Amino acid sequence: MIQRNDVLFVELPPPLGGAGREQTGRRPAIAVQDELTHFPTVLVLPVTSQLEARRFPFTLRVEPTTANGLTMPSIILLFQMQVIDKRRVVRVIGKLEPEYADQLDVMMRRMLRL
């Protein structure tokens, strides 16, 4: 069962028409919500290893650890938050550490003006 702050390995679909700025392909993503059994979808934050993405607002750098399952320094792209079908989740690879999860919460509130 998917839990909030799980680090997932997902398959993100290409944008319609093949154009756009959305993240695509097989990559890590952070689960924003706990799995709701009656929902076929999950809300995620894509992750990239392209460190220059840090220049965008609402991004967070995360260092790889055995706990989070990442293999290289990565950037969480909060501004690319998206809903995906649970069938696009390949596997859970780790859990985001509390210090990163707390930073994400603050950034999401700010980004969504909550």
PDB file of N, CA and C in Angstrom:
ATOM      1  N   MET A   1       0.844  -1.180   0.000  1.00  0.00           N
ATOM      2  CA  MET A   1       0.000   0.000   0.000  1.00  0.00           C
ATOM      3  C   MET A   1       0.892   1.248   0.000  1.00  0.00           C
ATOM      4  N   ILE A   2       0.573   2.194  -0.824  1.00  0.00           N
ATOM      5  CA  ILE A   2       1.336   3.437  -0.947  1.00  0.00           C
ATOM      6  C   ILE A   2       1.013   4.346   0.232  1.00  0.00           C
ATOM      7  N   GLN A   3       2.073   4.930   0.807  1.00  0.00           N
ATOM      8  CA  GLN A   3       1.912   5.867   1.913  1.00  0.00           C
ATOM      9  C   GLN A   3       2.525   7.207   1.546  1.00  0.00           C
ATOM     10  N   ARG A   4       2.010   8.239   2.187  1.00  0.00           N
ATOM     11  CA  ARG A   4       2.538   9.583   1.965  1.00  0.00           C
ATOM     12  C   ARG A   4       4.045   9.593   2.219  1.00  0.00           C
ATOM     13  N   ASN A   5       4.781  10.271   1.358  1.00  0.00           N
ATOM     14  CA  ASN A   5       6.238  10.407   1.410  1.00  0.00           C
ATOM     15  C   ASN A   5       6.990   9.150   1.006  1.00  0.00           C
ATOM     16  N   ASP A   6       6.289   8.143   0.478  1.00  0.00           N
ATOM     17  CA  ASP A   6       6.991   7.024  -0.139  1.00  0.00           C
ATOM     18  C   ASP A   6       7.717   7.539  -1.373  1.00  0.00           C
ATOM     19  N   VAL A   7       8.897   7.003  -1.612  1.00  0.00           N
ATOM     20  CA  VAL A   7       9.612   7.280  -2.853  1.00  0.00           C
ATOM     21  C   VAL A   7       9.257   6.129  -3.786  1.00  0.00           C
ATOM     22  N   LEU A   8       8.609   6.473  -4.879  1.00  0.00           N
ATOM     23  CA  LEU A   8       8.105   5.483  -5.835  1.00  0.00           C
ATOM     24  C   LEU A   8       8.961   5.494  -7.090  1.00  0.00           C
ATOM     25  N   PHE A   9       8.981   4.369  -7.787  1.00  0.00           N
ATOM     26  CA  PHE A   9       9.524   4.344  -9.139  1.00  0.00           C
ATOM     27  C   PHE A   9       8.309   4.225 -10.045  1.00  0.00           C
ATOM     28  N   VAL A  10       8.112   5.213 -10.929  1.00  0.00           N
ATOM     29  CA  VAL A  10       6.890   5.302 -11.730  1.00  0.00           C
ATOM     30  C   VAL A  10       7.201   5.405 -13.218  1.00  0.00           C
ATOM     31  N   GLU A  11       6.187   5.182 -14.005  1.00  0.00           N
ATOM     32  CA  GLU A  11       6.250   5.363 -15.461  1.00  0.00           C
ATOM     33  C   GLU A  11       5.305   6.506 -15.794  1.00  0.00           C
ATOM     34  N   LEU A  12       5.860   7.692 -16.101  1.00  0.00           N
ATOM     35  CA  LEU A  12       5.032   8.850 -16.426  1.00  0.00           C
ATOM     36  C   LEU A  12       4.811   8.911 -17.933  1.00  0.00           C
ATOM     37  N   PRO A  13       3.556   9.071 -18.340  1.00  0.00           N
ATOM     38  CA  PRO A  13       3.247   9.071 -19.771  1.00  0.00           C
ATOM     39  C   PRO A  13       3.718  10.343 -20.457  1.00  0.00           C
ATOM     40  N   PRO A  14       3.983  10.253 -21.771  1.00  0.00           N
ATOM     41  CA  PRO A  14       4.324  11.474 -22.516  1.00  0.00           C
ATOM     42  C   PRO A  14       3.094  12.367 -22.630  1.00  0.00           C
ATOM     43  N   PRO A  15       3.296  13.686 -22.756  1.00  0.00           N
ATOM     44  CA  PRO A  15       2.151  14.589 -22.899  1.00  0.00           C
ATOM     45  C   PRO A  15       1.414  14.336 -24.216  1.00  0.00           C
ATOM     46  N   LEU A  16       0.144  14.663 -24.223  1.00  0.00           N
ATOM     47  CA  LEU A  16      -0.648  14.515 -25.445  1.00  0.00           C
ATOM     48  C   LEU A  16      -0.024  15.328 -26.572  1.00  0.00           C
ATOM     49  N   GLY A  17       0.068  14.751 -27.723  1.00  0.00           N
ATOM     50  CA  GLY A  17       0.652  15.436 -28.866  1.00  0.00           C
ATOM     51  C   GLY A  17       2.169  15.435 -28.874  1.00  0.00           C
ATOM     52  N   GLY A  18       2.780  14.874 -27.839  1.00  0.00           N
ATOM     53  CA  GLY A  18       4.233  14.766 -27.783  1.00  0.00           C
ATOM     54  C   GLY A  18       4.969  16.045 -27.432  1.00  0.00           C
ATOM     55  N   ALA A  19       4.247  17.129 -27.161  1.00  0.00           N
ATOM     56  CA  ALA A  19       4.908  18.389 -26.828  1.00  0.00           C
ATOM     57  C   ALA A  19       4.564  18.766 -25.393  1.00  0.00           C
ATOM     58  N   GLY A  20       5.420  19.519 -24.792  1.00  0.00           N
ATOM     59  CA  GLY A  20       5.129  19.997 -23.446  1.00  0.00           C
ATOM     60  C   GLY A  20       6.352  19.925 -22.558  1.00  0.00           C
ATOM     61  N   ARG A  21       6.187  20.383 -21.350  1.00  0.00           N
ATOM     62  CA  ARG A  21       7.286  20.470 -20.387  1.00  0.00           C
ATOM     63  C   ARG A  21       7.133  19.497 -19.230  1.00  0.00           C
ATOM     64  N   GLU A  22       6.142  18.611 -19.286  1.00  0.00           N
ATOM     65  CA  GLU A  22       5.940  17.660 -18.198  1.00  0.00           C
ATOM     66  C   GLU A  22       7.062  16.627 -18.151  1.00  0.00           C
ATOM     67  N   GLN A  23       7.321  16.136 -16.950  1.00  0.00           N
ATOM     68  CA  GLN A  23       8.281  15.049 -16.771  1.00  0.00           C
ATOM     69  C   GLN A  23       7.654  13.769 -17.314  1.00  0.00           C
ATOM     70  N   THR A  24       8.464  12.949 -17.973  1.00  0.00           N
ATOM     71  CA  THR A  24       7.963  11.709 -18.560  1.00  0.00           C
ATOM     72  C   THR A  24       8.946  10.574 -18.297  1.00  0.00           C
ATOM     73  N   GLY A  25       8.524   9.377 -18.626  1.00  0.00           N
ATOM     74  CA  GLY A  25       9.401   8.219 -18.549  1.00  0.00           C
ATOM     75  C   GLY A  25       9.474   7.603 -17.162  1.00  0.00           C
ATOM     76  N   ARG A  26      10.373   6.634 -17.043  1.00  0.00           N
ATOM     77  CA  ARG A  26      10.571   5.916 -15.776  1.00  0.00           C
ATOM     78  C   ARG A  26      11.475   6.757 -14.889  1.00  0.00           C
ATOM     79  N   ARG A  27      10.983   7.038 -13.681  1.00  0.00           N
ATOM     80  CA  ARG A  27      11.709   7.924 -12.770  1.00  0.00           C
ATOM     81  C   ARG A  27      11.142   7.806 -11.368  1.00  0.00           C
ATOM     82  N   PRO A  28      11.904   8.300 -10.396  1.00  0.00           N
ATOM     83  CA  PRO A  28      11.352   8.365  -9.049  1.00  0.00           C
ATOM     84  C   PRO A  28      10.294   9.459  -8.947  1.00  0.00           C
ATOM     85  N   ALA A  29       9.423   9.302  -7.982  1.00  0.00           N
ATOM     86  CA  ALA A  29       8.419  10.312  -7.654  1.00  0.00           C
ATOM     87  C   ALA A  29       8.071  10.144  -6.175  1.00  0.00           C
ATOM     88  N   ILE A  30       7.613  11.217  -5.568  1.00  0.00           N
ATOM     89  CA  ILE A  30       7.240  11.193  -4.159  1.00  0.00           C
ATOM     90  C   ILE A  30       5.717  11.144  -4.056  1.00  0.00           C
ATOM     91  N   ALA A  31       5.195  10.197  -3.261  1.00  0.00           N
ATOM     92  CA  ALA A  31       3.750  10.122  -3.034  1.00  0.00           C
ATOM     93  C   ALA A  31       3.338  11.271  -2.117  1.00  0.00           C
ATOM     94  N   VAL A  32       2.351  12.044  -2.544  1.00  0.00           N
ATOM     95  CA  VAL A  32       1.865  13.178  -1.773  1.00  0.00           C
ATOM     96  C   VAL A  32       0.732  12.751  -0.847  1.00  0.00           C
ATOM     97  N   GLN A  33       0.084  11.671  -1.156  1.00  0.00           N
ATOM     98  CA  GLN A  33      -1.071  11.217  -0.375  1.00  0.00           C
ATOM     99  C   GLN A  33      -0.920   9.750  -0.023  1.00  0.00           C
ATOM    100  N   ASP A  34      -1.631   9.345   1.012  1.00  0.00           N
ATOM    101  CA  ASP A  34      -1.741   7.925   1.302  1.00  0.00           C
ATOM    102  C   ASP A  34      -2.644   7.302   0.249  1.00  0.00           C
ATOM    103  N   GLU A  35      -2.444   6.016   0.015  1.00  0.00           N
ATOM    104  CA  GLU A  35      -3.280   5.311  -0.946  1.00  0.00           C
ATOM    105  C   GLU A  35      -4.704   5.227  -0.406  1.00  0.00           C
ATOM    106  N   LEU A  36      -5.626   5.655  -1.223  1.00  0.00           N
ATOM    107  CA  LEU A  36      -7.045   5.511  -0.899  1.00  0.00           C
ATOM    108  C   LEU A  36      -7.540   4.328  -1.714  1.00  0.00           C
ATOM    109  N   THR A  37      -7.949   3.275  -1.047  1.00  0.00           N
ATOM    110  CA  THR A  37      -8.216   2.020  -1.743  1.00  0.00           C
ATOM    111  C   THR A  37      -9.286   2.139  -2.815  1.00  0.00           C
ATOM    112  N   HIS A  38     -10.227   3.032  -2.656  1.00  0.00           N
ATOM    113  CA  HIS A  38     -11.282   3.151  -3.660  1.00  0.00           C
ATOM    114  C   HIS A  38     -10.916   4.120  -4.783  1.00  0.00           C
ATOM    115  N   PHE A  39      -9.736   4.740  -4.711  1.00  0.00           N
ATOM    116  CA  PHE A  39      -9.278   5.626  -5.774  1.00  0.00           C
ATOM    117  C   PHE A  39      -8.302   4.868  -6.666  1.00  0.00           C
ATOM    118  N   PRO A  40      -8.429   4.990  -7.972  1.00  0.00           N
ATOM    119  CA  PRO A  40      -7.489   4.319  -8.878  1.00  0.00           C
ATOM    120  C   PRO A  40      -6.233   5.134  -9.153  1.00  0.00           C
ATOM    121  N   THR A  41      -6.112   6.311  -8.481  1.00  0.00           N
ATOM    122  CA  THR A  41      -5.008   7.224  -8.776  1.00  0.00           C
ATOM    123  C   THR A  41      -4.247   7.590  -7.501  1.00  0.00           C
ATOM    124  N   VAL A  42      -3.076   8.186  -7.718  1.00  0.00           N
ATOM    125  CA  VAL A  42      -2.261   8.693  -6.613  1.00  0.00           C
ATOM    126  C   VAL A  42      -1.610  10.004  -7.060  1.00  0.00           C
ATOM    127  N   LEU A  43      -1.507  10.946  -6.140  1.00  0.00           N
ATOM    128  CA  LEU A  43      -0.902  12.246  -6.405  1.00  0.00           C
ATOM    129  C   LEU A  43       0.591  12.155  -6.117  1.00  0.00           C
ATOM    130  N   VAL A  44       1.440  12.562  -7.090  1.00  0.00           N
ATOM    131  CA  VAL A  44       2.887  12.419  -6.951  1.00  0.00           C
ATOM    132  C   VAL A  44       3.622  13.693  -7.348  1.00  0.00           C
ATOM    133  N   LEU A  45       4.868  13.767  -6.864  1.00  0.00           N
ATOM    134  CA  LEU A  45       5.810  14.821  -7.250  1.00  0.00           C
ATOM    135  C   LEU A  45       6.952  14.153  -8.008  1.00  0.00           C
ATOM    136  N   PRO A  46       7.112  14.443  -9.285  1.00  0.00           N
ATOM    137  CA  PRO A  46       8.224  13.857 -10.034  1.00  0.00           C
ATOM    138  C   PRO A  46       9.576  14.291  -9.475  1.00  0.00           C
ATOM    139  N   VAL A  47      10.584  13.447  -9.690  1.00  0.00           N
ATOM    140  CA  VAL A  47      11.945  13.692  -9.240  1.00  0.00           C
ATOM    141  C   VAL A  47      12.857  13.613 -10.459  1.00  0.00           C
ATOM    142  N   THR A  48      13.858  14.484 -10.501  1.00  0.00           N
ATOM    143  CA  THR A  48      14.838  14.458 -11.584  1.00  0.00           C
ATOM    144  C   THR A  48      16.249  14.447 -11.005  1.00  0.00           C
ATOM    145  N   SER A  49      17.174  13.877 -11.742  1.00  0.00           N
ATOM    146  CA  SER A  49      18.585  13.923 -11.340  1.00  0.00           C
ATOM    147  C   SER A  49      19.297  15.103 -12.006  1.00  0.00           C
ATOM    148  N   GLN A  50      18.580  15.870 -12.805  1.00  0.00           N
ATOM    149  CA  GLN A  50      19.144  17.053 -13.457  1.00  0.00           C
ATOM    150  C   GLN A  50      19.183  18.192 -12.443  1.00  0.00           C
ATOM    151  N   LEU A  51      20.326  18.372 -11.793  1.00  0.00           N
ATOM    152  CA  LEU A  51      20.437  19.314 -10.683  1.00  0.00           C
ATOM    153  C   LEU A  51      20.193  20.762 -11.086  1.00  0.00           C
ATOM    154  N   GLU A  52      20.342  21.077 -12.359  1.00  0.00           N
ATOM    155  CA  GLU A  52      20.061  22.445 -12.806  1.00  0.00           C
ATOM    156  C   GLU A  52      18.574  22.796 -12.689  1.00  0.00           C
ATOM    157  N   ALA A  53      17.713  21.801 -12.487  1.00  0.00           N
ATOM    158  CA  ALA A  53      16.284  22.060 -12.279  1.00  0.00           C
ATOM    159  C   ALA A  53      16.045  22.832 -10.982  1.00  0.00           C
ATOM    160  N   ARG A  54      17.048  22.902 -10.137  1.00  0.00           N
ATOM    161  CA  ARG A  54      16.936  23.635  -8.867  1.00  0.00           C
ATOM    162  C   ARG A  54      16.678  25.118  -9.108  1.00  0.00           C
ATOM    163  N   ARG A  55      16.958  25.586 -10.320  1.00  0.00           N
ATOM    164  CA  ARG A  55      16.751  27.005 -10.629  1.00  0.00           C
ATOM    165  C   ARG A  55      15.273  27.384 -10.645  1.00  0.00           C
ATOM    166  N   PHE A  56      14.386  26.407 -10.790  1.00  0.00           N
ATOM    167  CA  PHE A  56      12.950  26.674 -10.805  1.00  0.00           C
ATOM    168  C   PHE A  56      12.431  26.848  -9.384  1.00  0.00           C
ATOM    169  N   PRO A  57      11.392  27.655  -9.221  1.00  0.00           N
ATOM    170  CA  PRO A  57      10.798  27.769  -7.886  1.00  0.00           C
ATOM    171  C   PRO A  57      10.102  26.459  -7.505  1.00  0.00           C
ATOM    172  N   PHE A  58       9.930  26.252  -6.234  1.00  0.00           N
ATOM    173  CA  PHE A  58       9.232  25.089  -5.692  1.00  0.00           C
ATOM    174  C   PHE A  58       9.910  23.778  -6.093  1.00  0.00           C
ATOM    175  N   THR A  59      11.206  23.739  -5.814  1.00  0.00           N
ATOM    176  CA  THR A  59      12.001  22.525  -5.995  1.00  0.00           C
ATOM    177  C   THR A  59      12.776  22.275  -4.703  1.00  0.00           C
ATOM    178  N   LEU A  60      13.135  21.028  -4.474  1.00  0.00           N
ATOM    179  CA  LEU A  60      13.863  20.663  -3.266  1.00  0.00           C
ATOM    180  C   LEU A  60      14.927  19.635  -3.606  1.00  0.00           C
ATOM    181  N   ARG A  61      16.156  19.933  -3.249  1.00  0.00           N
ATOM    182  CA  ARG A  61      17.252  18.983  -3.465  1.00  0.00           C
ATOM    183  C   ARG A  61      17.240  17.934  -2.358  1.00  0.00           C
ATOM    184  N   VAL A  62      17.429  16.673  -2.763  1.00  0.00           N
ATOM    185  CA  VAL A  62      17.457  15.543  -1.835  1.00  0.00           C
ATOM    186  C   VAL A  62      18.710  14.723  -2.116  1.00  0.00           C
ATOM    187  N   GLU A  63      19.415  14.380  -1.062  1.00  0.00           N
ATOM    188  CA  GLU A  63      20.604  13.539  -1.200  1.00  0.00           C
ATOM    189  C   GLU A  63      20.196  12.065  -1.120  1.00  0.00           C
ATOM    190  N   PRO A  64      20.887  11.194  -1.850  1.00  0.00           N
ATOM    191  CA  PRO A  64      20.540   9.768  -1.828  1.00  0.00           C
ATOM    192  C   PRO A  64      20.927   9.120  -0.491  1.00  0.00           C
ATOM    193  N   THR A  65      20.048   8.244  -0.012  1.00  0.00           N
ATOM    194  CA  THR A  65      20.330   7.463   1.196  1.00  0.00           C
ATOM    195  C   THR A  65      19.736   6.070   1.001  1.00  0.00           C
ATOM    196  N   THR A  66      20.122   5.161   1.854  1.00  0.00           N
ATOM    197  CA  THR A  66      19.506   3.830   1.783  1.00  0.00           C
ATOM    198  C   THR A  66      18.032   3.908   2.155  1.00  0.00           C
ATOM    199  N   ALA A  67      17.658   4.854   3.019  1.00  0.00           N
ATOM    200  CA  ALA A  67      16.257   4.987   3.435  1.00  0.00           C
ATOM    201  C   ALA A  67      15.361   5.460   2.284  1.00  0.00           C
ATOM    202  N   ASN A  68      15.829   6.460   1.514  1.00  0.00           N
ATOM    203  CA  ASN A  68      14.948   6.976   0.454  1.00  0.00           C
ATOM    204  C   ASN A  68      15.100   6.222  -0.867  1.00  0.00           C
ATOM    205  N   GLY A  69      16.134   5.409  -1.008  1.00  0.00           N
ATOM    206  CA  GLY A  69      16.276   4.575  -2.199  1.00  0.00           C
ATOM    207  C   GLY A  69      16.792   5.288  -3.438  1.00  0.00           C
ATOM    208  N   LEU A  70      17.044   6.595  -3.333  1.00  0.00           N
ATOM    209  CA  LEU A  70      17.592   7.314  -4.486  1.00  0.00           C
ATOM    210  C   LEU A  70      19.060   6.945  -4.646  1.00  0.00           C
ATOM    211  N   THR A  71      19.542   6.982  -5.884  1.00  0.00           N
ATOM    212  CA  THR A  71      20.917   6.571  -6.149  1.00  0.00           C
ATOM    213  C   THR A  71      21.840   7.744  -6.475  1.00  0.00           C
ATOM    214  N   MET A  72      21.277   8.939  -6.600  1.00  0.00           N
ATOM    215  CA  MET A  72      22.082  10.120  -6.889  1.00  0.00           C
ATOM    216  C   MET A  72      21.376  11.353  -6.347  1.00  0.00           C
ATOM    217  N   PRO A  73      22.116  12.450  -6.139  1.00  0.00           N
ATOM    218  CA  PRO A  73      21.451  13.682  -5.723  1.00  0.00           C
ATOM    219  C   PRO A  73      20.331  14.010  -6.713  1.00  0.00           C
ATOM    220  N   SER A  74      19.197  14.434  -6.179  1.00  0.00           N
ATOM    221  CA  SER A  74      18.011  14.617  -7.014  1.00  0.00           C
ATOM    222  C   SER A  74      17.251  15.872  -6.610  1.00  0.00           C
ATOM    223  N   ILE A  75      16.382  16.302  -7.511  1.00  0.00           N
ATOM    224  CA  ILE A  75      15.536  17.464  -7.288  1.00  0.00           C
ATOM    225  C   ILE A  75      14.074  17.026  -7.349  1.00  0.00           C
ATOM    226  N   ILE A  76      13.324  17.316  -6.267  1.00  0.00           N
ATOM    227  CA  ILE A  76      11.876  17.072  -6.264  1.00  0.00           C
ATOM    228  C   ILE A  76      11.223  18.284  -6.910  1.00  0.00           C
ATOM    229  N   LEU A  77      10.379  18.030  -7.899  1.00  0.00           N
ATOM    230  CA  LEU A  77       9.745  19.091  -8.681  1.00  0.00           C
ATOM    231  C   LEU A  77       8.310  19.308  -8.194  1.00  0.00           C
ATOM    232  N   LEU A  78       8.160  20.095  -7.138  1.00  0.00           N
ATOM    233  CA  LEU A  78       6.829  20.329  -6.589  1.00  0.00           C
ATOM    234  C   LEU A  78       5.901  20.957  -7.622  1.00  0.00           C
ATOM    235  N   PHE A  79       6.428  21.852  -8.442  1.00  0.00           N
ATOM    236  CA  PHE A  79       5.605  22.555  -9.428  1.00  0.00           C
ATOM    237  C   PHE A  79       5.101  21.627 -10.533  1.00  0.00           C
ATOM    238  N   GLN A  80       5.572  20.376 -10.557  1.00  0.00           N
ATOM    239  CA  GLN A  80       5.122  19.400 -11.552  1.00  0.00           C
ATOM    240  C   GLN A  80       4.177  18.361 -10.937  1.00  0.00           C
ATOM    241  N   MET A  81       3.590  18.675  -9.783  1.00  0.00           N
ATOM    242  CA  MET A  81       2.668  17.767  -9.102  1.00  0.00           C
ATOM    243  C   MET A  81       1.630  17.236 -10.093  1.00  0.00           C
ATOM    244  N   GLN A  82       1.387  15.929 -10.032  1.00  0.00           N
ATOM    245  CA  GLN A  82       0.414  15.347 -10.955  1.00  0.00           C
ATOM    246  C   GLN A  82      -0.246  14.099 -10.391  1.00  0.00           C
ATOM    247  N   VAL A  83      -1.398  13.807 -10.944  1.00  0.00           N
ATOM    248  CA  VAL A  83      -2.135  12.593 -10.588  1.00  0.00           C
ATOM    249  C   VAL A  83      -1.801  11.537 -11.628  1.00  0.00           C
ATOM    250  N   ILE A  84      -1.464  10.335 -11.137  1.00  0.00           N
ATOM    251  CA  ILE A  84      -1.212   9.231 -12.068  1.00  0.00           C
ATOM    252  C   ILE A  84      -2.049   8.026 -11.660  1.00  0.00           C
ATOM    253  N   ASP A  85      -2.325   7.177 -12.605  1.00  0.00           N
ATOM    254  CA  ASP A  85      -2.986   5.910 -12.331  1.00  0.00           C
ATOM    255  C   ASP A  85      -2.055   5.045 -11.495  1.00  0.00           C
ATOM    256  N   LYS A  86      -2.601   4.365 -10.498  1.00  0.00           N
ATOM    257  CA  LYS A  86      -1.770   3.506  -9.644  1.00  0.00           C
ATOM    258  C   LYS A  86      -1.038   2.440 -10.450  1.00  0.00           C
ATOM    259  N   ARG A  87      -1.564   2.078 -11.600  1.00  0.00           N
ATOM    260  CA  ARG A  87      -0.891   1.067 -12.425  1.00  0.00           C
ATOM    261  C   ARG A  87       0.429   1.577 -12.982  1.00  0.00           C
ATOM    262  N   ARG A  88       0.673   2.890 -12.909  1.00  0.00           N
ATOM    263  CA  ARG A  88       1.946   3.465 -13.367  1.00  0.00           C
ATOM    264  C   ARG A  88       3.032   3.380 -12.298  1.00  0.00           C
ATOM    265  N   VAL A  89       2.658   2.974 -11.087  1.00  0.00           N
ATOM    266  CA  VAL A  89       3.644   2.782 -10.022  1.00  0.00           C
ATOM    267  C   VAL A  89       4.293   1.417 -10.224  1.00  0.00           C
ATOM    268  N   VAL A  90       5.585   1.417 -10.501  1.00  0.00           N
ATOM    269  CA  VAL A  90       6.334   0.179 -10.716  1.00  0.00           C
ATOM    270  C   VAL A  90       6.634  -0.482  -9.375  1.00  0.00           C
ATOM    271  N   ARG A  91       7.124   0.336  -8.421  1.00  0.00           N
ATOM    272  CA  ARG A  91       7.427  -0.198  -7.086  1.00  0.00           C
ATOM    273  C   ARG A  91       7.739   0.952  -6.137  1.00  0.00           C
ATOM    274  N   VAL A  92       7.699   0.658  -4.852  1.00  0.00           N
ATOM    275  CA  VAL A  92       8.150   1.589  -3.821  1.00  0.00           C
ATOM    276  C   VAL A  92       9.639   1.327  -3.612  1.00  0.00           C
ATOM    277  N   ILE A  93      10.450   2.403  -3.678  1.00  0.00           N
ATOM    278  CA  ILE A  93      11.899   2.201  -3.524  1.00  0.00           C
ATOM    279  C   ILE A  93      12.431   2.722  -2.198  1.00  0.00           C
ATOM    280  N   GLY A  94      11.638   3.485  -1.462  1.00  0.00           N
ATOM    281  CA  GLY A  94      12.109   4.010  -0.193  1.00  0.00           C
ATOM    282  C   GLY A  94      11.097   4.924   0.454  1.00  0.00           C
ATOM    283  N   LYS A  95      11.558   5.633   1.472  1.00  0.00           N
ATOM    284  CA  LYS A  95      10.723   6.572   2.225  1.00  0.00           C
ATOM    285  C   LYS A  95      11.512   7.861   2.409  1.00  0.00           C
ATOM    286  N   LEU A  96      10.879   8.976   2.107  1.00  0.00           N
ATOM    287  CA  LEU A  96      11.516  10.269   2.270  1.00  0.00           C
ATOM    288  C   LEU A  96      11.745  10.551   3.756  1.00  0.00           C
ATOM    289  N   GLU A  97      12.933  11.000   4.095  1.00  0.00           N
ATOM    290  CA  GLU A  97      13.269  11.297   5.476  1.00  0.00           C
ATOM    291  C   GLU A  97      12.421  12.450   5.998  1.00  0.00           C
ATOM    292  N   PRO A  98      12.134  12.449   7.329  1.00  0.00           N
ATOM    293  CA  PRO A  98      11.275  13.488   7.915  1.00  0.00           C
ATOM    294  C   PRO A  98      11.741  14.915   7.644  1.00  0.00           C
ATOM    295  N   GLU A  99      13.050  15.162   7.635  1.00  0.00           N
ATOM    296  CA  GLU A  99      13.506  16.537   7.403  1.00  0.00           C
ATOM    297  C   GLU A  99      13.146  17.013   5.994  1.00  0.00           C
ATOM    298  N   TYR A 100      13.200  16.129   5.011  1.00  0.00           N
ATOM    299  CA  TYR A 100      12.775  16.496   3.656  1.00  0.00           C
ATOM    300  C   TYR A 100      11.252  16.593   3.580  1.00  0.00           C
ATOM    301  N   ALA A 101      10.557  15.655   4.225  1.00  0.00           N
ATOM    302  CA  ALA A 101       9.087  15.663   4.204  1.00  0.00           C
ATOM    303  C   ALA A 101       8.550  16.953   4.819  1.00  0.00           C
ATOM    304  N   ASP A 102       9.160  17.396   5.901  1.00  0.00           N
ATOM    305  CA  ASP A 102       8.726  18.646   6.535  1.00  0.00           C
ATOM    306  C   ASP A 102       8.939  19.835   5.604  1.00  0.00           C
ATOM    307  N   GLN A 103      10.060  19.865   4.913  1.00  0.00           N
ATOM    308  CA  GLN A 103      10.317  20.948   3.959  1.00  0.00           C
ATOM    309  C   GLN A 103       9.304  20.921   2.815  1.00  0.00           C
ATOM    310  N   LEU A 104       8.971  19.719   2.344  1.00  0.00           N
ATOM    311  CA  LEU A 104       7.965  19.599   1.284  1.00  0.00           C
ATOM    312  C   LEU A 104       6.624  20.149   1.731  1.00  0.00           C
ATOM    313  N   ASP A 105       6.222  19.819   2.958  1.00  0.00           N
ATOM    314  CA  ASP A 105       4.939  20.313   3.472  1.00  0.00           C
ATOM    315  C   ASP A 105       4.882  21.840   3.448  1.00  0.00           C
ATOM    316  N   VAL A 106       5.948  22.470   3.914  1.00  0.00           N
ATOM    317  CA  VAL A 106       5.999  23.938   3.935  1.00  0.00           C
ATOM    318  C   VAL A 106       5.934  24.483   2.512  1.00  0.00           C
ATOM    319  N   MET A 107       6.701  23.886   1.613  1.00  0.00           N
ATOM    320  CA  MET A 107       6.738  24.376   0.230  1.00  0.00           C
ATOM    321  C   MET A 107       5.399  24.171  -0.481  1.00  0.00           C
ATOM    322  N   MET A 108       4.740  23.033  -0.216  1.00  0.00           N
ATOM    323  CA  MET A 108       3.435  22.792  -0.856  1.00  0.00           C
ATOM    324  C   MET A 108       2.398  23.794  -0.370  1.00  0.00           C
ATOM    325  N   ARG A 109       2.391  24.060   0.926  1.00  0.00           N
ATOM    326  CA  ARG A 109       1.451  25.057   1.451  1.00  0.00           C
ATOM    327  C   ARG A 109       1.678  26.417   0.794  1.00  0.00           C
ATOM    328  N   ARG A 110       2.945  26.777   0.657  1.00  0.00           N
ATOM    329  CA  ARG A 110       3.273  28.059   0.042  1.00  0.00           C
ATOM    330  C   ARG A 110       2.883  28.079  -1.434  1.00  0.00           C
ATOM    331  N   MET A 111       3.206  27.008  -2.147  1.00  0.00           N
ATOM    332  CA  MET A 111       2.915  26.944  -3.575  1.00  0.00           C
ATOM    333  C   MET A 111       1.400  26.987  -3.831  1.00  0.00           C
ATOM    334  N   LEU A 112       0.643  26.260  -3.013  1.00  0.00           N
ATOM    335  CA  LEU A 112      -0.818  26.185  -3.192  1.00  0.00           C
ATOM    336  C   LEU A 112      -1.565  27.276  -2.431  1.00  0.00           C
ATOM    337  N   ARG A 113      -0.815  28.106  -1.730  1.00  0.00           N
ATOM    338  CA  ARG A 113      -1.381  29.220  -0.955  1.00  0.00           C
ATOM    339  C   ARG A 113      -2.422  28.738   0.043  1.00  0.00           C
ATOM    340  N   LEU A 114      -2.050  27.704   0.805  1.00  0.00           N
ATOM    341  CA  LEU A 114      -2.945  27.145   1.821  1.00  0.00           C
ATOM    342  C   LEU A 114      -2.662  27.758   3.176  1.00  0.00           C
TER     343      LEU A 114
END
